[in-house]
Amino acid sequence: MKKIKYYYNTNTLRYEKLETPLRVKLLRIFGFIAAALVTAGLIAFAAFRFIGSPEERILRQQNANLRENYRELRDHIRSIQQQMQELEKRDNDVYRAIFEANPIPDSARAKELANQLEIMSVERIKDNQLVAAIDATLKNLTSRIEAQKKSYDEVDKLVKNKEQLLSHTPAIQPVSNKDLNRIASGFGYRIDPVYKTTKFHAGLDFAAPQGTPIYATADGTVSTAGNTGNGYGNHVIINHSYGYETLYGHMVRIKVRNGQAVKRGEVIGWVGSTGKSTGPHCHYEVHKYGQKIDPIYFFYNDLTPEQFDLILKKAAASNQSLD
């Protein structure tokens, strides 16, 4: 039941019913609504300013998680960079040093190093800087990994080439010489057995009974097999590539033919005394790029240091050659 209010009218000296004008009612309603809106705005401002909306709290938590993840990612990237530096150092100082290859400069591994990213404070990084930092670091690592992969591919080729070079380098004696007593004449100036004058002897003479097997001292391809009338009698010349060539002279019989591929240790013929020879022996020469060099330094596969010292003294003795 609505309350009715009265007021005392001094003019009429009577109690009269209090009636509020419409204009006053509207003003009161408007004032209440305005006050409510202002109060609600102040409450909302305080809440969003000091407490934060649920959405903001979620975003703030996500941002904190992202920063924590970035710290872990940065530590992981730093660890990978250290491992890459170790691999690059080992590649330059060990692997390439073994094969006498030039080291790869850092500029070839990465055009620009993002060292400043490692010392940048996470708290001062903006979102776009954070993404750019991670992207630049990953690109840098990708570039270095790709360069390192190419380097190891090259080292792998060097290993294969080195293995092939070693297999094609003369490294054993052409005849079995376990007791080291078969070297009859060495490399250098010796007395010619026919003309009795001092002449240059371009190889080693291995005295052995006729029919003793003669072995290829390295892998290669036979370029000459026969008697060409040059004084070597029945002889074999093997082209080993890499500039190496070996000659085996005065054979009684040849086993191989021109163009045949041979392996180190394979029998290519037998000791004889054909051509300009005064007794059964194998005349052995080593050529490097057409230059005749002392074969004594190419027996490292079947001699100990002590045996090499002994055979070196035997080969150095001034005596008469057998051819």
C-alpha atoms as a PDB file:
ATOM      1  CA  MET A   1       0.000   0.000   0.000  1.00  0.00           C
ATOM      2  CA  LYS A   2       1.452   3.258  -1.110  1.00  0.00           C
ATOM      3  CA  LYS A   3       2.308   5.742   1.609  1.00  0.00           C
ATOM      4  CA  ILE A   4       0.662   9.119   1.258  1.00  0.00           C
ATOM      5  CA  LYS A   5       2.626  12.087   2.550  1.00  0.00           C
ATOM      6  CA  TYR A   6       1.128  15.355   3.786  1.00  0.00           C
ATOM      7  CA  TYR A   7       2.611  18.732   4.571  1.00  0.00           C
ATOM      8  CA  TYR A   8       1.293  21.772   6.525  1.00  0.00           C
ATOM      9  CA  ASN A   9       0.458  24.723   4.325  1.00  0.00           C
ATOM     10  CA  THR A  10       1.001  27.928   6.277  1.00  0.00           C
ATOM     11  CA  ASN A  11      -0.962  29.910   3.800  1.00  0.00           C
ATOM     12  CA  THR A  12      -4.114  27.927   4.116  1.00  0.00           C
ATOM     13  CA  LEU A  13      -3.373  26.710   7.624  1.00  0.00           C
ATOM     14  CA  ARG A  14      -4.289  23.200   6.537  1.00  0.00           C
ATOM     15  CA  TYR A  15      -2.597  19.822   5.940  1.00  0.00           C
ATOM     16  CA  GLU A  16      -2.417  19.151   2.289  1.00  0.00           C
ATOM     17  CA  LYS A  17      -1.410  16.113   0.256  1.00  0.00           C
ATOM     18  CA  LEU A  18       2.220  16.217  -0.920  1.00  0.00           C
ATOM     19  CA  GLU A  19       2.451  15.746  -4.664  1.00  0.00           C
ATOM     20  CA  THR A  20       5.919  15.540  -6.321  1.00  0.00           C
ATOM     21  CA  PRO A  21       6.076  17.163  -9.766  1.00  0.00           C
ATOM     22  CA  LEU A  22       6.986  14.946 -12.724  1.00  0.00           C
ATOM     23  CA  ARG A  23      10.057  17.018 -13.457  1.00  0.00           C
ATOM     24  CA  VAL A  24      11.436  16.359  -9.998  1.00  0.00           C
ATOM     25  CA  LYS A  25      10.729  12.668 -10.309  1.00  0.00           C
ATOM     26  CA  LEU A  26      12.618  12.487 -13.589  1.00  0.00           C
ATOM     27  CA  LEU A  27      15.559  14.384 -12.141  1.00  0.00           C
ATOM     28  CA  ARG A  28      15.726  12.001  -9.182  1.00  0.00           C
ATOM     29  CA  ILE A  29      15.610   8.950 -11.447  1.00  0.00           C
ATOM     30  CA  PHE A  30      18.318  10.374 -13.685  1.00  0.00           C
ATOM     31  CA  GLY A  31      20.480  11.252 -10.681  1.00  0.00           C
ATOM     32  CA  PHE A  32      20.171   7.716  -9.314  1.00  0.00           C
ATOM     33  CA  ILE A  33      21.052   6.137 -12.608  1.00  0.00           C
ATOM     34  CA  ALA A  34      24.025   8.486 -13.079  1.00  0.00           C
ATOM     35  CA  ALA A  35      25.317   7.757  -9.569  1.00  0.00           C
ATOM     36  CA  ALA A  36      24.931   4.016 -10.148  1.00  0.00           C
ATOM     37  CA  LEU A  37      26.830   4.195 -13.412  1.00  0.00           C
ATOM     38  CA  VAL A  38      29.647   6.249 -11.914  1.00  0.00           C
ATOM     39  CA  THR A  39      29.901   3.893  -8.941  1.00  0.00           C
ATOM     40  CA  ALA A  40      29.926   0.846 -11.221  1.00  0.00           C
ATOM     41  CA  GLY A  41      32.624   2.486 -13.396  1.00  0.00           C
ATOM     42  CA  LEU A  42      34.795   3.215 -10.391  1.00  0.00           C
ATOM     43  CA  ILE A  43      34.394  -0.314  -9.094  1.00  0.00           C
ATOM     44  CA  ALA A  44      35.197  -1.781 -12.542  1.00  0.00           C
ATOM     45  CA  PHE A  45      38.237   0.497 -12.942  1.00  0.00           C
ATOM     46  CA  ALA A  46      39.586  -0.508  -9.579  1.00  0.00           C
ATOM     47  CA  ALA A  47      38.944  -4.164 -10.311  1.00  0.00           C
ATOM     48  CA  PHE A  48      40.631  -4.117 -13.736  1.00  0.00           C
ATOM     49  CA  ARG A  49      43.441  -1.865 -12.544  1.00  0.00           C
ATOM     50  CA  PHE A  50      44.468  -3.717  -9.412  1.00  0.00           C
ATOM     51  CA  ILE A  51      42.879  -7.133  -9.738  1.00  0.00           C
ATOM     52  CA  GLY A  52      42.648  -7.811 -13.477  1.00  0.00           C
ATOM     53  CA  SER A  53      40.014  -9.486 -15.528  1.00  0.00           C
ATOM     54  CA  PRO A  54      39.874 -13.280 -15.852  1.00  0.00           C
ATOM     55  CA  GLU A  55      41.011 -12.897 -19.460  1.00  0.00           C
ATOM     56  CA  GLU A  56      43.965 -10.797 -18.421  1.00  0.00           C
ATOM     57  CA  ARG A  57      44.921 -13.261 -15.725  1.00  0.00           C
ATOM     58  CA  ILE A  58      44.887 -16.073 -18.318  1.00  0.00           C
ATOM     59  CA  LEU A  59      46.966 -14.013 -20.742  1.00  0.00           C
ATOM     60  CA  ARG A  60      49.368 -13.056 -17.963  1.00  0.00           C
ATOM     61  CA  GLN A  61      49.824 -16.721 -17.042  1.00  0.00           C
ATOM     62  CA  GLN A  62      50.321 -17.672 -20.688  1.00  0.00           C
ATOM     63  CA  ASN A  63      52.898 -14.920 -21.053  1.00  0.00           C
ATOM     64  CA  ALA A  64      54.746 -16.174 -17.981  1.00  0.00           C
ATOM     65  CA  ASN A  65      54.709 -19.708 -19.396  1.00  0.00           C
ATOM     66  CA  LEU A  66      56.038 -18.447 -22.721  1.00  0.00           C
ATOM     67  CA  ARG A  67      58.887 -16.620 -21.003  1.00  0.00           C
ATOM     68  CA  GLU A  68      59.761 -19.718 -19.004  1.00  0.00           C
ATOM     69  CA  ASN A  69      59.679 -21.815 -22.160  1.00  0.00           C
ATOM     70  CA  TYR A  70      61.906 -19.272 -23.880  1.00  0.00           C
ATOM     71  CA  ARG A  71      64.438 -19.466 -21.037  1.00  0.00           C
ATOM     72  CA  GLU A  72      64.562 -23.241 -21.427  1.00  0.00           C
ATOM     73  CA  LEU A  73      64.785 -22.913 -25.210  1.00  0.00           C
ATOM     74  CA  ARG A  74      67.585 -20.358 -24.899  1.00  0.00           C
ATOM     75  CA  ASP A  75      69.534 -22.671 -22.583  1.00  0.00           C
ATOM     76  CA  HIS A  76      68.999 -25.564 -24.997  1.00  0.00           C
ATOM     77  CA  ILE A  77      70.141 -23.450 -27.954  1.00  0.00           C
ATOM     78  CA  ARG A  78      73.229 -22.330 -26.018  1.00  0.00           C
ATOM     79  CA  SER A  79      74.052 -25.985 -25.332  1.00  0.00           C
ATOM     80  CA  ILE A  80      73.634 -26.840 -29.025  1.00  0.00           C
ATOM     81  CA  GLN A  81      75.841 -23.903 -30.005  1.00  0.00           C
ATOM     82  CA  GLN A  82      78.574 -25.116 -27.656  1.00  0.00           C
ATOM     83  CA  GLN A  83      78.353 -28.595 -29.172  1.00  0.00           C
ATOM     84  CA  MET A  84      78.518 -27.086 -32.666  1.00  0.00           C
ATOM     85  CA  GLN A  85      81.607 -25.088 -31.703  1.00  0.00           C
ATOM     86  CA  GLU A  86      83.256 -28.265 -30.402  1.00  0.00           C
ATOM     87  CA  LEU A  87      82.395 -30.138 -33.614  1.00  0.00           C
ATOM     88  CA  GLU A  88      83.709 -27.277 -35.749  1.00  0.00           C
ATOM     89  CA  LYS A  89      86.924 -27.098 -33.724  1.00  0.00           C
ATOM     90  CA  ARG A  90      87.417 -30.872 -33.952  1.00  0.00           C
ATOM     91  CA  ASP A  91      86.690 -30.746 -37.679  1.00  0.00           C
ATOM     92  CA  ASN A  92      89.331 -28.066 -38.263  1.00  0.00           C
ATOM     93  CA  ASP A  93      91.984 -29.145 -35.756  1.00  0.00           C
ATOM     94  CA  VAL A  94      91.714 -32.941 -35.974  1.00  0.00           C
ATOM     95  CA  TYR A  95      89.921 -34.403 -38.967  1.00  0.00           C
ATOM     96  CA  ARG A  96      91.166 -31.937 -41.569  1.00  0.00           C
ATOM     97  CA  ALA A  97      94.626 -31.830 -40.014  1.00  0.00           C
ATOM     98  CA  ILE A  98      94.952 -35.603 -40.479  1.00  0.00           C
ATOM     99  CA  PHE A  99      94.254 -35.299 -44.181  1.00  0.00           C
ATOM    100  CA  GLU A 100      96.204 -32.035 -44.589  1.00  0.00           C
ATOM    101  CA  ALA A 101      93.070 -30.211 -45.733  1.00  0.00           C
ATOM    102  CA  ASN A 102      92.464 -26.515 -45.245  1.00  0.00           C
ATOM    103  CA  PRO A 103      90.139 -25.647 -42.321  1.00  0.00           C
ATOM    104  CA  ILE A 104      86.744 -24.157 -43.099  1.00  0.00           C
ATOM    105  CA  PRO A 105      86.518 -20.475 -42.105  1.00  0.00           C
ATOM    106  CA  ASP A 106      83.735 -19.461 -39.748  1.00  0.00           C
ATOM    107  CA  SER A 107      82.306 -17.173 -42.440  1.00  0.00           C
ATOM    108  CA  ALA A 108      81.536 -20.226 -44.528  1.00  0.00           C
ATOM    109  CA  ARG A 109      79.683 -21.895 -41.676  1.00  0.00           C
ATOM    110  CA  ALA A 110      77.513 -18.905 -40.755  1.00  0.00           C
ATOM    111  CA  LYS A 111      77.299 -15.529 -42.406  1.00  0.00           C
ATOM    112  CA  GLU A 112      76.312 -13.770 -39.204  1.00  0.00           C
ATOM    113  CA  LEU A 113      76.546 -14.914 -35.608  1.00  0.00           C
ATOM    114  CA  ALA A 114      73.737 -13.854 -33.295  1.00  0.00           C
ATOM    115  CA  ASN A 115      75.840 -13.613 -30.138  1.00  0.00           C
ATOM    116  CA  GLN A 116      73.828 -10.643 -28.874  1.00  0.00           C
ATOM    117  CA  LEU A 117      70.787 -12.894 -28.539  1.00  0.00           C
ATOM    118  CA  GLU A 118      72.485 -14.891 -25.800  1.00  0.00           C
ATOM    119  CA  ILE A 119      73.071 -11.877 -23.568  1.00  0.00           C
ATOM    120  CA  MET A 120      69.734 -10.181 -24.197  1.00  0.00           C
ATOM    121  CA  SER A 121      67.606 -10.009 -21.040  1.00  0.00           C
ATOM    122  CA  VAL A 122      64.354 -11.930 -21.358  1.00  0.00           C
ATOM    123  CA  GLU A 123      62.463  -9.451 -19.190  1.00  0.00           C
ATOM    124  CA  ARG A 124      63.149  -6.603 -21.637  1.00  0.00           C
ATOM    125  CA  ILE A 125      62.324  -8.531 -24.807  1.00  0.00           C
ATOM    126  CA  LYS A 126      59.096  -7.614 -26.522  1.00  0.00           C
ATOM    127  CA  ASP A 127      56.957 -10.275 -28.157  1.00  0.00           C
ATOM    128  CA  ASN A 128      58.074  -9.428 -31.704  1.00  0.00           C
ATOM    129  CA  GLN A 129      61.721  -9.311 -30.557  1.00  0.00           C
ATOM    130  CA  LEU A 130      61.308 -12.670 -28.836  1.00  0.00           C
ATOM    131  CA  VAL A 131      60.037 -14.332 -32.000  1.00  0.00           C
ATOM    132  CA  ALA A 132      62.732 -12.644 -34.103  1.00  0.00           C
ATOM    133  CA  ALA A 133      65.447 -13.727 -31.645  1.00  0.00           C
ATOM    134  CA  ILE A 134      64.391 -17.376 -31.725  1.00  0.00           C
ATOM    135  CA  ASP A 135      63.992 -17.333 -35.505  1.00  0.00           C
ATOM    136  CA  ALA A 136      67.430 -15.762 -36.072  1.00  0.00           C
ATOM    137  CA  THR A 137      69.145 -18.187 -33.684  1.00  0.00           C
ATOM    138  CA  LEU A 138      67.513 -21.224 -35.289  1.00  0.00           C
ATOM    139  CA  LYS A 139      68.429 -19.982 -38.777  1.00  0.00           C
ATOM    140  CA  ASN A 140      72.013 -19.518 -37.618  1.00  0.00           C
ATOM    141  CA  LEU A 141      72.160 -23.033 -36.186  1.00  0.00           C
ATOM    142  CA  THR A 142      70.556 -24.497 -39.306  1.00  0.00           C
ATOM    143  CA  SER A 143      73.175 -22.783 -41.462  1.00  0.00           C
ATOM    144  CA  ARG A 144      76.038 -24.044 -39.292  1.00  0.00           C
ATOM    145  CA  ILE A 145      74.629 -27.600 -39.203  1.00  0.00           C
ATOM    146  CA  GLU A 146      74.293 -27.627 -42.994  1.00  0.00           C
ATOM    147  CA  ALA A 147      77.859 -26.357 -43.402  1.00  0.00           C
ATOM    148  CA  GLN A 148      79.125 -28.943 -40.927  1.00  0.00           C
ATOM    149  CA  LYS A 149      77.284 -31.716 -42.779  1.00  0.00           C
ATOM    150  CA  LYS A 150      78.969 -30.682 -46.031  1.00  0.00           C
ATOM    151  CA  SER A 151      82.307 -30.596 -44.217  1.00  0.00           C
ATOM    152  CA  TYR A 152      81.885 -34.133 -42.883  1.00  0.00           C
ATOM    153  CA  ASP A 153      80.876 -35.300 -46.376  1.00  0.00           C
ATOM    154  CA  GLU A 154      84.120 -33.801 -47.623  1.00  0.00           C
ATOM    155  CA  VAL A 155      86.090 -35.436 -44.809  1.00  0.00           C
ATOM    156  CA  ASP A 156      84.440 -38.752 -45.714  1.00  0.00           C
ATOM    157  CA  LYS A 157      85.671 -38.309 -49.290  1.00  0.00           C
ATOM    158  CA  LEU A 158      89.135 -37.476 -47.956  1.00  0.00           C
ATOM    159  CA  VAL A 159      89.098 -40.699 -45.935  1.00  0.00           C
ATOM    160  CA  LYS A 160      88.159 -42.726 -49.002  1.00  0.00           C
ATOM    161  CA  ASN A 161      90.745 -40.935 -51.148  1.00  0.00           C
ATOM    162  CA  LYS A 162      93.389 -41.464 -48.461  1.00  0.00           C
ATOM    163  CA  GLU A 163      92.564 -45.184 -48.289  1.00  0.00           C
ATOM    164  CA  GLN A 164      92.783 -45.402 -52.067  1.00  0.00           C
ATOM    165  CA  LEU A 165      96.053 -43.443 -52.080  1.00  0.00           C
ATOM    166  CA  LEU A 166      97.567 -45.769 -49.482  1.00  0.00           C
ATOM    167  CA  SER A 167      96.506 -48.886 -51.402  1.00  0.00           C
ATOM    168  CA  HIS A 168      98.042 -47.443 -54.589  1.00  0.00           C
ATOM    169  CA  THR A 169     101.344 -46.460 -52.951  1.00  0.00           C
ATOM    170  CA  PRO A 170     104.202 -49.017 -53.147  1.00  0.00           C
ATOM    171  CA  ALA A 171     104.632 -50.370 -49.632  1.00  0.00           C
ATOM    172  CA  ILE A 172     106.130 -53.899 -49.678  1.00  0.00           C
ATOM    173  CA  GLN A 173     109.169 -55.655 -51.117  1.00  0.00           C
ATOM    174  CA  PRO A 174     108.652 -57.259 -54.552  1.00  0.00           C
ATOM    175  CA  VAL A 175     110.057 -60.618 -53.411  1.00  0.00           C
ATOM    176  CA  SER A 176     109.858 -62.485 -50.128  1.00  0.00           C
ATOM    177  CA  ASN A 177     112.814 -61.298 -48.062  1.00  0.00           C
ATOM    178  CA  LYS A 178     112.160 -62.338 -44.474  1.00  0.00           C
ATOM    179  CA  ASP A 179     115.808 -62.751 -43.552  1.00  0.00           C
ATOM    180  CA  LEU A 180     116.725 -59.470 -45.316  1.00  0.00           C
ATOM    181  CA  ASN A 181     119.663 -60.992 -47.217  1.00  0.00           C
ATOM    182  CA  ARG A 182     118.364 -60.690 -50.786  1.00  0.00           C
ATOM    183  CA  ILE A 183     119.284 -57.073 -51.539  1.00  0.00           C
ATOM    184  CA  ALA A 184     122.356 -57.404 -53.750  1.00  0.00           C
ATOM    185  CA  SER A 185     122.649 -53.825 -54.917  1.00  0.00           C
ATOM    186  CA  GLY A 186     121.079 -50.530 -53.941  1.00  0.00           C
ATOM    187  CA  PHE A 187     119.991 -47.263 -55.530  1.00  0.00           C
ATOM    188  CA  GLY A 188     122.708 -44.907 -56.731  1.00  0.00           C
ATOM    189  CA  TYR A 189     126.031 -45.085 -58.534  1.00  0.00           C
ATOM    190  CA  ARG A 190     127.315 -48.656 -58.777  1.00  0.00           C
ATOM    191  CA  ILE A 191     129.839 -50.626 -60.846  1.00  0.00           C
ATOM    192  CA  ASP A 192     128.246 -51.948 -64.026  1.00  0.00           C
ATOM    193  CA  PRO A 193     128.718 -55.771 -64.175  1.00  0.00           C
ATOM    194  CA  VAL A 194     129.235 -55.761 -67.960  1.00  0.00           C
ATOM    195  CA  TYR A 195     131.159 -52.558 -68.685  1.00  0.00           C
ATOM    196  CA  LYS A 196     132.916 -52.374 -65.290  1.00  0.00           C
ATOM    197  CA  THR A 197     132.361 -48.629 -65.144  1.00  0.00           C
ATOM    198  CA  THR A 198     130.495 -46.570 -62.575  1.00  0.00           C
ATOM    199  CA  LYS A 199     126.946 -46.023 -63.719  1.00  0.00           C
ATOM    200  CA  PHE A 200     123.772 -44.861 -62.059  1.00  0.00           C
ATOM    201  CA  HIS A 201     121.674 -47.772 -60.807  1.00  0.00           C
ATOM    202  CA  ALA A 202     118.039 -46.604 -60.702  1.00  0.00           C
ATOM    203  CA  GLY A 203     116.598 -49.371 -58.538  1.00  0.00           C
ATOM    204  CA  LEU A 204     117.205 -52.234 -56.111  1.00  0.00           C
ATOM    205  CA  ASP A 205     118.416 -55.699 -57.095  1.00  0.00           C
ATOM    206  CA  PHE A 206     116.860 -58.571 -55.146  1.00  0.00           C
ATOM    207  CA  ALA A 207     118.931 -61.729 -55.644  1.00  0.00           C
ATOM    208  CA  ALA A 208     116.731 -64.854 -55.563  1.00  0.00           C
ATOM    209  CA  PRO A 209     116.586 -68.312 -57.140  1.00  0.00           C
ATOM    210  CA  GLN A 210     115.009 -68.493 -60.571  1.00  0.00           C
ATOM    211  CA  GLY A 211     111.283 -69.063 -60.278  1.00  0.00           C
ATOM    212  CA  THR A 212     110.871 -67.080 -57.031  1.00  0.00           C
ATOM    213  CA  PRO A 213     107.496 -65.253 -57.135  1.00  0.00           C
ATOM    214  CA  ILE A 214     107.500 -61.511 -57.725  1.00  0.00           C
ATOM    215  CA  TYR A 215     104.669 -59.515 -56.139  1.00  0.00           C
ATOM    216  CA  ALA A 216     102.981 -56.247 -57.079  1.00  0.00           C
ATOM    217  CA  THR A 217     103.900 -53.760 -54.366  1.00  0.00           C
ATOM    218  CA  ALA A 218     100.639 -51.751 -54.670  1.00  0.00           C
ATOM    219  CA  ASP A 219      97.296 -51.740 -56.447  1.00  0.00           C
ATOM    220  CA  GLY A 220      97.389 -50.575 -60.045  1.00  0.00           C
ATOM    221  CA  THR A 221      97.077 -51.400 -63.726  1.00  0.00           C
ATOM    222  CA  VAL A 222      99.725 -53.135 -65.829  1.00  0.00           C
ATOM    223  CA  SER A 223     100.972 -50.722 -68.507  1.00  0.00           C
ATOM    224  CA  THR A 224     103.817 -52.899 -69.860  1.00  0.00           C
ATOM    225  CA  ALA A 225     104.247 -56.665 -69.777  1.00  0.00           C
ATOM    226  CA  GLY A 226     106.926 -58.178 -72.001  1.00  0.00           C
ATOM    227  CA  ASN A 227     110.415 -57.640 -73.454  1.00  0.00           C
ATOM    228  CA  THR A 228     110.795 -54.290 -75.210  1.00  0.00           C
ATOM    229  CA  GLY A 229     114.550 -54.562 -75.799  1.00  0.00           C
ATOM    230  CA  ASN A 230     115.534 -51.930 -73.235  1.00  0.00           C
ATOM    231  CA  GLY A 231     117.816 -54.208 -71.195  1.00  0.00           C
ATOM    232  CA  TYR A 232     115.227 -55.142 -68.576  1.00  0.00           C
ATOM    233  CA  GLY A 233     114.380 -58.389 -70.395  1.00  0.00           C
ATOM    234  CA  ASN A 234     110.965 -59.722 -69.518  1.00  0.00           C
ATOM    235  CA  HIS A 235     109.627 -56.965 -67.307  1.00  0.00           C
ATOM    236  CA  VAL A 236     106.406 -55.510 -65.969  1.00  0.00           C
ATOM    237  CA  ILE A 237     105.539 -51.862 -65.395  1.00  0.00           C
ATOM    238  CA  ILE A 238     102.521 -51.086 -63.193  1.00  0.00           C
ATOM    239  CA  ASN A 239     100.799 -47.710 -63.178  1.00  0.00           C
ATOM    240  CA  HIS A 240      99.461 -47.106 -59.647  1.00  0.00           C
ATOM    241  CA  SER A 241      97.969 -43.644 -60.322  1.00  0.00           C
ATOM    242  CA  TYR A 242      98.694 -40.701 -57.989  1.00  0.00           C
ATOM    243  CA  GLY A 243     101.963 -40.329 -59.918  1.00  0.00           C
ATOM    244  CA  TYR A 244     103.378 -43.725 -58.867  1.00  0.00           C
ATOM    245  CA  GLU A 245     104.777 -46.343 -61.209  1.00  0.00           C
ATOM    246  CA  THR A 246     106.859 -49.470 -60.477  1.00  0.00           C
ATOM    247  CA  LEU A 247     109.086 -51.620 -62.689  1.00  0.00           C
ATOM    248  CA  TYR A 248     110.014 -55.282 -62.183  1.00  0.00           C
ATOM    249  CA  GLY A 249     112.798 -56.507 -64.475  1.00  0.00           C
ATOM    250  CA  HIS A 250     114.577 -59.658 -65.725  1.00  0.00           C
ATOM    251  CA  MET A 251     111.692 -62.109 -65.147  1.00  0.00           C
ATOM    252  CA  VAL A 252     111.926 -65.655 -66.406  1.00  0.00           C
ATOM    253  CA  ARG A 253     108.177 -65.589 -67.045  1.00  0.00           C
ATOM    254  CA  ILE A 254     105.434 -62.991 -66.810  1.00  0.00           C
ATOM    255  CA  LYS A 255     102.036 -63.852 -65.385  1.00  0.00           C
ATOM    256  CA  VAL A 256     100.064 -60.647 -66.078  1.00  0.00           C
ATOM    257  CA  ARG A 257      99.092 -58.894 -69.321  1.00  0.00           C
ATOM    258  CA  ASN A 258      98.777 -55.291 -70.473  1.00  0.00           C
ATOM    259  CA  GLY A 259      95.759 -53.472 -69.033  1.00  0.00           C
ATOM    260  CA  GLN A 260      95.213 -55.989 -66.241  1.00  0.00           C
ATOM    261  CA  ALA A 261      94.290 -54.625 -62.800  1.00  0.00           C
ATOM    262  CA  VAL A 262      96.416 -56.038 -59.989  1.00  0.00           C
ATOM    263  CA  LYS A 263      96.326 -55.857 -56.204  1.00  0.00           C
ATOM    264  CA  ARG A 264      99.154 -55.424 -53.739  1.00  0.00           C
ATOM    265  CA  GLY A 265     100.696 -58.834 -52.988  1.00  0.00           C
ATOM    266  CA  GLU A 266      99.446 -60.439 -56.228  1.00  0.00           C
ATOM    267  CA  VAL A 267     102.002 -62.550 -58.132  1.00  0.00           C
ATOM    268  CA  ILE A 268     102.879 -60.828 -61.436  1.00  0.00           C
ATOM    269  CA  GLY A 269     105.792 -63.044 -62.552  1.00  0.00           C
ATOM    270  CA  TRP A 270     108.831 -65.057 -61.475  1.00  0.00           C
ATOM    271  CA  VAL A 271     112.482 -64.197 -60.938  1.00  0.00           C
ATOM    272  CA  GLY A 272     114.801 -64.828 -63.895  1.00  0.00           C
ATOM    273  CA  SER A 273     117.890 -63.459 -65.628  1.00  0.00           C
ATOM    274  CA  THR A 274     116.604 -62.179 -68.966  1.00  0.00           C
ATOM    275  CA  GLY A 275     117.898 -59.042 -70.631  1.00  0.00           C
ATOM    276  CA  LYS A 276     121.091 -57.339 -69.423  1.00  0.00           C
ATOM    277  CA  SER A 277     121.589 -59.462 -66.315  1.00  0.00           C
ATOM    278  CA  THR A 278     124.446 -61.466 -64.776  1.00  0.00           C
ATOM    279  CA  GLY A 279     122.354 -63.676 -62.535  1.00  0.00           C
ATOM    280  CA  PRO A 280     118.800 -64.440 -61.363  1.00  0.00           C
ATOM    281  CA  HIS A 281     117.369 -61.403 -59.615  1.00  0.00           C
ATOM    282  CA  CYS A 282     114.507 -58.921 -59.623  1.00  0.00           C
ATOM    283  CA  HIS A 283     115.438 -55.375 -60.591  1.00  0.00           C
ATOM    284  CA  TYR A 284     112.879 -53.134 -58.876  1.00  0.00           C
ATOM    285  CA  GLU A 285     112.279 -49.422 -59.536  1.00  0.00           C
ATOM    286  CA  VAL A 286     109.827 -46.833 -58.175  1.00  0.00           C
ATOM    287  CA  HIS A 287     108.935 -43.793 -60.276  1.00  0.00           C
ATOM    288  CA  LYS A 288     107.106 -40.714 -58.988  1.00  0.00           C
ATOM    289  CA  TYR A 289     105.761 -38.473 -61.740  1.00  0.00           C
ATOM    290  CA  GLY A 290     108.353 -39.952 -64.100  1.00  0.00           C
ATOM    291  CA  GLN A 291     111.258 -39.383 -61.713  1.00  0.00           C
ATOM    292  CA  LYS A 292     113.141 -42.485 -60.545  1.00  0.00           C
ATOM    293  CA  ILE A 293     113.384 -42.499 -56.745  1.00  0.00           C
ATOM    294  CA  ASP A 294     114.960 -44.808 -54.170  1.00  0.00           C
ATOM    295  CA  PRO A 295     112.600 -47.780 -53.536  1.00  0.00           C
ATOM    296  CA  ILE A 296     114.160 -48.371 -50.114  1.00  0.00           C
ATOM    297  CA  TYR A 297     111.711 -45.852 -48.605  1.00  0.00           C
ATOM    298  CA  PHE A 298     108.644 -47.807 -49.783  1.00  0.00           C
ATOM    299  CA  PHE A 299     108.846 -50.915 -47.616  1.00  0.00           C
ATOM    300  CA  TYR A 300     107.030 -49.587 -44.547  1.00  0.00           C
ATOM    301  CA  ASN A 301     104.273 -52.241 -44.646  1.00  0.00           C
ATOM    302  CA  ASP A 302     106.487 -55.282 -44.099  1.00  0.00           C
ATOM    303  CA  LEU A 303     109.481 -53.998 -42.103  1.00  0.00           C
ATOM    304  CA  THR A 304     109.982 -53.001 -38.477  1.00  0.00           C
ATOM    305  CA  PRO A 305     112.135 -49.936 -37.735  1.00  0.00           C
ATOM    306  CA  GLU A 306     115.047 -52.234 -36.827  1.00  0.00           C
ATOM    307  CA  GLN A 307     114.685 -54.236 -40.043  1.00  0.00           C
ATOM    308  CA  PHE A 308     114.447 -51.066 -42.099  1.00  0.00           C
ATOM    309  CA  ASP A 309     117.658 -49.767 -40.515  1.00  0.00           C
ATOM    310  CA  LEU A 310     119.430 -53.015 -41.419  1.00  0.00           C
ATOM    311  CA  ILE A 311     118.146 -53.117 -44.998  1.00  0.00           C
ATOM    312  CA  LEU A 312     119.045 -49.443 -45.424  1.00  0.00           C
ATOM    313  CA  LYS A 313     122.674 -50.247 -44.564  1.00  0.00           C
ATOM    314  CA  LYS A 314     122.739 -53.182 -47.004  1.00  0.00           C
ATOM    315  CA  ALA A 315     121.314 -51.076 -49.838  1.00  0.00           C
ATOM    316  CA  ALA A 316     123.807 -48.273 -49.177  1.00  0.00           C
ATOM    317  CA  ALA A 317     126.840 -50.520 -49.631  1.00  0.00           C
ATOM    318  CA  SER A 318     128.956 -49.611 -52.683  1.00  0.00           C
ATOM    319  CA  ASN A 319     129.179 -52.775 -54.784  1.00  0.00           C
ATOM    320  CA  GLN A 320     128.577 -54.166 -58.239  1.00  0.00           C
ATOM    321  CA  SER A 321     125.010 -54.331 -59.507  1.00  0.00           C
ATOM    322  CA  LEU A 322     123.529 -57.407 -61.192  1.00  0.00           C
ATOM    323  CA  ASP A 323     122.359 -55.534 -64.304  1.00  0.00           C
END
